[in-house]
N, C-alpha and C. Protein backbone atom coordinates (compact mmCIF):
# COMPACT_ATOMS: atom_id res chain seq x y z
N GLN A 1 -6.83 5.83 -14.81
CA GLN A 1 -6.89 6.71 -13.65
C GLN A 1 -8.20 7.48 -13.68
N VAL A 2 -8.80 7.63 -12.51
CA VAL A 2 -10.04 8.36 -12.37
C VAL A 2 -9.73 9.72 -11.73
N GLN A 3 -10.13 10.76 -12.41
CA GLN A 3 -9.96 12.11 -11.90
C GLN A 3 -11.34 12.71 -11.64
N LEU A 4 -11.53 13.25 -10.45
CA LEU A 4 -12.82 13.77 -10.03
C LEU A 4 -12.76 15.28 -9.87
N VAL A 5 -13.80 15.95 -10.34
CA VAL A 5 -13.89 17.39 -10.24
C VAL A 5 -15.26 17.76 -9.68
N GLU A 6 -15.27 18.41 -8.52
CA GLU A 6 -16.51 18.86 -7.91
C GLU A 6 -16.82 20.28 -8.35
N SER A 7 -18.10 20.61 -8.35
CA SER A 7 -18.54 21.95 -8.65
C SER A 7 -19.90 22.19 -8.00
N GLY A 8 -20.30 23.44 -7.94
CA GLY A 8 -21.62 23.78 -7.41
C GLY A 8 -21.63 24.39 -6.04
N GLY A 9 -20.48 24.46 -5.39
CA GLY A 9 -20.43 25.06 -4.07
C GLY A 9 -20.63 26.56 -4.13
N GLY A 10 -20.84 27.14 -2.97
CA GLY A 10 -21.03 28.57 -2.90
C GLY A 10 -21.51 29.02 -1.55
N LEU A 11 -21.90 30.27 -1.48
CA LEU A 11 -22.41 30.88 -0.26
C LEU A 11 -23.92 31.00 -0.34
N VAL A 12 -24.61 30.42 0.62
CA VAL A 12 -26.06 30.47 0.66
C VAL A 12 -26.53 30.79 2.08
N GLN A 13 -27.80 31.06 2.20
CA GLN A 13 -28.40 31.33 3.49
C GLN A 13 -29.05 30.07 4.05
N ALA A 14 -29.17 30.01 5.35
CA ALA A 14 -29.84 28.88 5.98
C ALA A 14 -31.24 28.71 5.40
N GLY A 15 -31.59 27.46 5.11
CA GLY A 15 -32.86 27.15 4.51
C GLY A 15 -32.82 27.04 3.00
N ASP A 16 -31.75 27.50 2.39
CA ASP A 16 -31.62 27.43 0.94
C ASP A 16 -31.22 26.03 0.47
N SER A 17 -31.22 25.85 -0.84
CA SER A 17 -30.83 24.60 -1.46
C SER A 17 -29.63 24.80 -2.36
N LEU A 18 -28.89 23.73 -2.56
CA LEU A 18 -27.71 23.76 -3.40
C LEU A 18 -27.50 22.36 -3.96
N ARG A 19 -27.03 22.27 -5.18
CA ARG A 19 -26.73 20.99 -5.78
C ARG A 19 -25.27 20.92 -6.20
N LEU A 20 -24.56 19.97 -5.63
CA LEU A 20 -23.18 19.75 -5.99
C LEU A 20 -23.09 18.70 -7.09
N SER A 21 -22.09 18.84 -7.94
CA SER A 21 -21.86 17.88 -9.01
C SER A 21 -20.45 17.36 -8.93
N CYS A 22 -20.29 16.13 -9.35
CA CYS A 22 -18.97 15.50 -9.42
C CYS A 22 -18.86 14.84 -10.78
N ALA A 23 -17.91 15.30 -11.56
CA ALA A 23 -17.71 14.77 -12.90
C ALA A 23 -16.36 14.07 -13.00
N ALA A 24 -16.32 13.04 -13.80
CA ALA A 24 -15.09 12.28 -13.98
C ALA A 24 -14.40 12.66 -15.28
N SER A 25 -13.10 12.70 -15.23
CA SER A 25 -12.30 12.87 -16.42
C SER A 25 -11.34 11.70 -16.51
N GLY A 26 -10.99 11.34 -17.72
CA GLY A 26 -10.13 10.19 -17.91
C GLY A 26 -10.93 8.91 -18.07
N ARG A 27 -11.71 8.57 -17.06
CA ARG A 27 -12.58 7.41 -17.10
C ARG A 27 -13.93 7.76 -16.50
N THR A 28 -14.93 6.97 -16.83
CA THR A 28 -16.26 7.19 -16.30
C THR A 28 -16.40 6.56 -14.92
N PHE A 29 -17.55 6.78 -14.30
CA PHE A 29 -17.83 6.22 -12.98
C PHE A 29 -18.39 4.81 -13.05
N SER A 30 -18.53 4.27 -14.23
CA SER A 30 -19.11 2.95 -14.39
C SER A 30 -18.39 1.92 -13.53
N GLY A 31 -19.15 1.21 -12.69
CA GLY A 31 -18.58 0.20 -11.83
C GLY A 31 -18.03 0.73 -10.52
N TYR A 32 -18.17 2.01 -10.26
CA TYR A 32 -17.65 2.63 -9.05
C TYR A 32 -18.75 2.99 -8.07
N THR A 33 -18.50 2.68 -6.81
CA THR A 33 -19.31 3.23 -5.74
C THR A 33 -18.86 4.67 -5.51
N MET A 34 -19.82 5.57 -5.40
CA MET A 34 -19.51 6.99 -5.27
C MET A 34 -20.00 7.54 -3.94
N GLY A 35 -19.17 8.34 -3.32
CA GLY A 35 -19.54 8.91 -2.04
C GLY A 35 -19.25 10.40 -1.96
N TRP A 36 -19.90 11.02 -1.00
CA TRP A 36 -19.65 12.42 -0.67
C TRP A 36 -19.22 12.50 0.79
N PHE A 37 -18.17 13.25 1.03
CA PHE A 37 -17.69 13.52 2.37
C PHE A 37 -17.58 15.02 2.56
N ARG A 38 -17.47 15.45 3.79
CA ARG A 38 -17.29 16.87 4.04
C ARG A 38 -16.35 17.08 5.22
N GLN A 39 -15.69 18.21 5.21
CA GLN A 39 -14.73 18.52 6.25
C GLN A 39 -14.80 20.00 6.60
N ALA A 40 -15.14 20.27 7.84
CA ALA A 40 -15.16 21.63 8.35
C ALA A 40 -13.81 21.95 8.97
N PRO A 41 -13.45 23.22 9.08
CA PRO A 41 -12.17 23.59 9.67
C PRO A 41 -11.98 22.98 11.06
N GLY A 42 -10.85 22.33 11.26
CA GLY A 42 -10.55 21.73 12.55
C GLY A 42 -11.29 20.44 12.82
N LYS A 43 -12.04 19.93 11.86
CA LYS A 43 -12.82 18.71 12.04
C LYS A 43 -12.30 17.59 11.15
N GLU A 44 -12.77 16.39 11.45
CA GLU A 44 -12.43 15.24 10.63
C GLU A 44 -13.24 15.27 9.33
N ARG A 45 -12.74 14.56 8.33
CA ARG A 45 -13.48 14.42 7.10
C ARG A 45 -14.55 13.34 7.31
N ASP A 46 -15.80 13.75 7.29
CA ASP A 46 -16.90 12.87 7.66
C ASP A 46 -17.74 12.43 6.46
N PHE A 47 -18.28 11.25 6.59
CA PHE A 47 -19.16 10.69 5.58
C PHE A 47 -20.46 11.47 5.50
N VAL A 48 -20.94 11.68 4.28
CA VAL A 48 -22.21 12.36 4.05
C VAL A 48 -23.22 11.44 3.38
N ALA A 49 -22.83 10.87 2.24
CA ALA A 49 -23.74 10.04 1.47
C ALA A 49 -22.97 9.11 0.55
N VAL A 50 -23.61 8.03 0.15
CA VAL A 50 -23.00 7.08 -0.78
C VAL A 50 -24.07 6.51 -1.69
N ILE A 51 -23.68 6.16 -2.89
CA ILE A 51 -24.60 5.55 -3.84
C ILE A 51 -23.91 4.36 -4.49
N SER A 52 -24.66 3.29 -4.67
CA SER A 52 -24.12 2.07 -5.24
C SER A 52 -23.77 2.24 -6.71
N THR A 53 -23.08 1.25 -7.24
CA THR A 53 -22.64 1.32 -8.63
C THR A 53 -23.79 1.49 -9.61
N SER A 54 -24.92 0.87 -9.32
CA SER A 54 -26.08 0.95 -10.19
C SER A 54 -27.00 2.12 -9.85
N GLY A 55 -26.77 2.73 -8.71
CA GLY A 55 -27.65 3.79 -8.25
C GLY A 55 -28.86 3.29 -7.51
N GLY A 56 -28.94 1.98 -7.28
CA GLY A 56 -30.11 1.40 -6.66
C GLY A 56 -30.18 1.52 -5.15
N ARG A 57 -29.07 1.78 -4.51
CA ARG A 57 -29.05 1.91 -3.06
C ARG A 57 -28.28 3.15 -2.64
N THR A 58 -28.78 3.80 -1.62
CA THR A 58 -28.11 4.97 -1.07
C THR A 58 -28.15 4.92 0.45
N TYR A 59 -27.17 5.52 1.07
CA TYR A 59 -27.11 5.64 2.52
C TYR A 59 -26.64 7.04 2.86
N TYR A 60 -27.10 7.53 4.01
CA TYR A 60 -26.79 8.89 4.41
C TYR A 60 -26.37 8.95 5.87
N ALA A 61 -25.57 9.93 6.17
CA ALA A 61 -25.27 10.23 7.56
C ALA A 61 -26.54 10.71 8.23
N ASP A 62 -26.69 10.40 9.51
CA ASP A 62 -27.90 10.80 10.24
C ASP A 62 -28.13 12.31 10.19
N SER A 63 -27.06 13.06 10.16
CA SER A 63 -27.16 14.51 10.20
C SER A 63 -27.79 15.12 8.94
N VAL A 64 -27.84 14.36 7.84
CA VAL A 64 -28.36 14.90 6.60
C VAL A 64 -29.57 14.14 6.07
N LYS A 65 -29.99 13.09 6.75
CA LYS A 65 -31.15 12.31 6.31
C LYS A 65 -32.38 13.19 6.19
N GLY A 66 -33.08 13.03 5.08
CA GLY A 66 -34.28 13.81 4.84
C GLY A 66 -34.02 15.16 4.22
N ARG A 67 -32.77 15.58 4.17
CA ARG A 67 -32.43 16.88 3.60
C ARG A 67 -31.56 16.76 2.35
N PHE A 68 -30.67 15.80 2.34
CA PHE A 68 -29.75 15.61 1.21
C PHE A 68 -30.16 14.39 0.40
N ALA A 69 -29.82 14.40 -0.88
CA ALA A 69 -30.07 13.26 -1.74
C ALA A 69 -28.93 13.10 -2.74
N ILE A 70 -28.39 11.90 -2.79
CA ILE A 70 -27.33 11.60 -3.74
C ILE A 70 -27.94 10.86 -4.93
N SER A 71 -27.44 11.15 -6.11
CA SER A 71 -27.92 10.50 -7.32
C SER A 71 -26.80 10.43 -8.34
N ARG A 72 -27.02 9.62 -9.37
CA ARG A 72 -26.03 9.54 -10.44
C ARG A 72 -26.75 9.47 -11.77
N ASP A 73 -26.12 10.02 -12.79
CA ASP A 73 -26.71 10.16 -14.10
C ASP A 73 -25.93 9.31 -15.10
N ASN A 74 -26.43 8.11 -15.34
CA ASN A 74 -25.83 7.20 -16.31
C ASN A 74 -24.34 6.97 -16.05
N ALA A 75 -23.99 6.96 -14.78
CA ALA A 75 -22.62 6.70 -14.33
C ALA A 75 -21.62 7.74 -14.85
N LYS A 76 -22.10 8.90 -15.25
CA LYS A 76 -21.23 9.94 -15.76
C LYS A 76 -21.03 11.08 -14.77
N THR A 77 -22.09 11.42 -14.06
CA THR A 77 -22.04 12.51 -13.10
C THR A 77 -22.75 12.09 -11.82
N VAL A 78 -22.19 12.45 -10.70
CA VAL A 78 -22.80 12.20 -9.40
C VAL A 78 -23.19 13.53 -8.78
N TYR A 79 -24.37 13.56 -8.17
CA TYR A 79 -24.90 14.78 -7.61
C TYR A 79 -25.16 14.64 -6.12
N LEU A 80 -25.13 15.75 -5.45
CA LEU A 80 -25.58 15.82 -4.07
C LEU A 80 -26.53 17.00 -3.96
N GLN A 81 -27.81 16.70 -3.90
CA GLN A 81 -28.83 17.73 -3.72
C GLN A 81 -28.95 18.02 -2.24
N MET A 82 -28.75 19.26 -1.87
CA MET A 82 -28.78 19.66 -0.47
C MET A 82 -29.92 20.66 -0.27
N ASN A 83 -30.87 20.28 0.55
CA ASN A 83 -32.02 21.12 0.85
C ASN A 83 -32.01 21.50 2.33
N SER A 84 -32.75 22.54 2.64
CA SER A 84 -32.88 23.00 4.03
C SER A 84 -31.52 23.11 4.70
N LEU A 85 -30.61 23.75 4.03
CA LEU A 85 -29.24 23.85 4.53
C LEU A 85 -29.17 24.59 5.86
N LYS A 86 -28.28 24.11 6.71
CA LYS A 86 -28.05 24.68 8.02
C LYS A 86 -26.63 25.20 8.10
N HIS A 87 -26.40 26.08 9.06
CA HIS A 87 -25.07 26.63 9.24
C HIS A 87 -24.04 25.52 9.47
N GLU A 88 -24.44 24.48 10.19
CA GLU A 88 -23.53 23.39 10.49
C GLU A 88 -23.18 22.52 9.28
N ASP A 89 -23.83 22.77 8.15
CA ASP A 89 -23.47 22.09 6.91
C ASP A 89 -22.26 22.73 6.24
N THR A 90 -21.82 23.86 6.74
CA THR A 90 -20.68 24.55 6.18
C THR A 90 -19.43 23.67 6.24
N ALA A 91 -18.82 23.44 5.09
CA ALA A 91 -17.65 22.58 5.00
C ALA A 91 -17.16 22.54 3.56
N VAL A 92 -16.00 21.95 3.38
CA VAL A 92 -15.53 21.61 2.05
C VAL A 92 -16.08 20.23 1.74
N TYR A 93 -16.76 20.10 0.63
CA TYR A 93 -17.37 18.84 0.24
C TYR A 93 -16.53 18.14 -0.81
N TYR A 94 -16.27 16.87 -0.57
CA TYR A 94 -15.41 16.08 -1.44
C TYR A 94 -16.18 14.93 -2.07
N CYS A 95 -15.92 14.72 -3.33
CA CYS A 95 -16.43 13.57 -4.05
C CYS A 95 -15.39 12.46 -3.99
N ALA A 96 -15.83 11.24 -3.82
CA ALA A 96 -14.92 10.11 -3.72
C ALA A 96 -15.44 8.92 -4.51
N ALA A 97 -14.51 8.10 -4.99
CA ALA A 97 -14.87 6.93 -5.78
C ALA A 97 -14.05 5.73 -5.34
N ARG A 98 -14.67 4.57 -5.46
CA ARG A 98 -13.95 3.33 -5.18
C ARG A 98 -14.42 2.25 -6.12
N ASN A 99 -13.50 1.39 -6.51
CA ASN A 99 -13.80 0.33 -7.46
C ASN A 99 -14.23 -0.94 -6.74
N ASN A 100 -15.21 -0.81 -5.89
CA ASN A 100 -15.78 -1.92 -5.15
C ASN A 100 -17.26 -1.66 -4.93
N PRO A 101 -18.06 -2.71 -4.77
CA PRO A 101 -19.48 -2.49 -4.54
C PRO A 101 -19.76 -1.90 -3.16
N LEU A 102 -20.95 -1.37 -3.00
CA LEU A 102 -21.35 -0.77 -1.73
C LEU A 102 -21.27 -1.76 -0.59
N THR A 103 -21.54 -3.02 -0.88
CA THR A 103 -21.54 -4.06 0.13
C THR A 103 -20.15 -4.48 0.59
N TYR A 104 -19.13 -3.97 -0.04
CA TYR A 104 -17.76 -4.34 0.30
C TYR A 104 -17.40 -3.88 1.71
N GLY A 105 -17.98 -2.79 2.15
CA GLY A 105 -17.73 -2.25 3.47
C GLY A 105 -16.93 -0.96 3.44
N ASP A 106 -16.86 -0.31 4.56
CA ASP A 106 -16.11 0.93 4.73
C ASP A 106 -16.59 2.05 3.81
N TYR A 107 -17.85 1.99 3.42
CA TYR A 107 -18.38 3.03 2.54
C TYR A 107 -18.50 4.37 3.26
N ASP A 108 -18.49 4.32 4.58
CA ASP A 108 -18.59 5.54 5.37
C ASP A 108 -17.26 5.92 6.01
N ARG A 109 -16.18 5.41 5.44
CA ARG A 109 -14.85 5.69 5.93
C ARG A 109 -13.98 6.24 4.80
N GLN A 110 -13.16 7.21 5.14
CA GLN A 110 -12.28 7.81 4.14
C GLN A 110 -11.37 6.76 3.51
N ARG A 111 -10.93 5.80 4.31
CA ARG A 111 -10.02 4.77 3.84
C ARG A 111 -10.68 3.83 2.85
N GLY A 112 -12.00 3.86 2.74
CA GLY A 112 -12.71 2.98 1.84
C GLY A 112 -12.73 3.43 0.39
N TYR A 113 -12.12 4.57 0.10
CA TYR A 113 -12.17 5.13 -1.25
C TYR A 113 -10.79 5.30 -1.85
N ASP A 114 -10.72 5.15 -3.16
CA ASP A 114 -9.46 5.17 -3.87
C ASP A 114 -9.14 6.51 -4.51
N TYR A 115 -10.16 7.25 -4.89
CA TYR A 115 -9.97 8.51 -5.61
C TYR A 115 -10.76 9.63 -4.96
N TRP A 116 -10.18 10.81 -4.98
CA TRP A 116 -10.80 11.99 -4.36
C TRP A 116 -10.67 13.22 -5.23
N GLY A 117 -11.70 14.05 -5.19
CA GLY A 117 -11.63 15.33 -5.85
C GLY A 117 -10.95 16.35 -4.95
N GLN A 118 -10.81 17.57 -5.44
CA GLN A 118 -10.14 18.61 -4.67
C GLN A 118 -11.07 19.33 -3.70
N GLY A 119 -12.36 19.10 -3.83
CA GLY A 119 -13.32 19.68 -2.92
C GLY A 119 -13.93 20.97 -3.42
N THR A 120 -15.12 21.26 -2.94
CA THR A 120 -15.79 22.50 -3.25
C THR A 120 -16.38 23.07 -1.96
N GLN A 121 -16.21 24.35 -1.76
CA GLN A 121 -16.62 24.99 -0.51
C GLN A 121 -18.10 25.29 -0.50
N VAL A 122 -18.76 24.89 0.57
CA VAL A 122 -20.15 25.23 0.81
C VAL A 122 -20.21 26.02 2.11
N THR A 123 -20.71 27.22 2.03
CA THR A 123 -20.84 28.06 3.21
C THR A 123 -22.29 28.46 3.40
N VAL A 124 -22.83 28.17 4.56
CA VAL A 124 -24.22 28.49 4.87
C VAL A 124 -24.22 29.53 5.98
N SER A 125 -24.72 30.70 5.68
CA SER A 125 -24.76 31.77 6.66
C SER A 125 -25.86 31.51 7.68
N SER A 126 -25.61 31.91 8.90
CA SER A 126 -26.57 31.69 9.97
C SER A 126 -27.49 32.89 10.15
């Protein structure tokens, strides 16, 4: 079983940077495609970023391209570096994992992932 724990959320001002972390307990991320999603109050849980099992490929939602960067550290920890934060980035951010390659499909869909963390709150003041 893969258990995910997010950390790094908090309250920041617009224009600031923040780095979220996702760590695995029980098993490592080796062989897993890892993604980040976010959900604002009253909104759907939306795709933010994904990274392939090897870390060689990444994809981002249009709303965060050029500002966010996903990375992984020896398949042990997954990060989401968030720069130039905007008020509209305010949401609960979730780490997700799936035991399939990035090319399998549905990497930008909630249904495409098998495991989820509890989320970490990111609030960006306007």
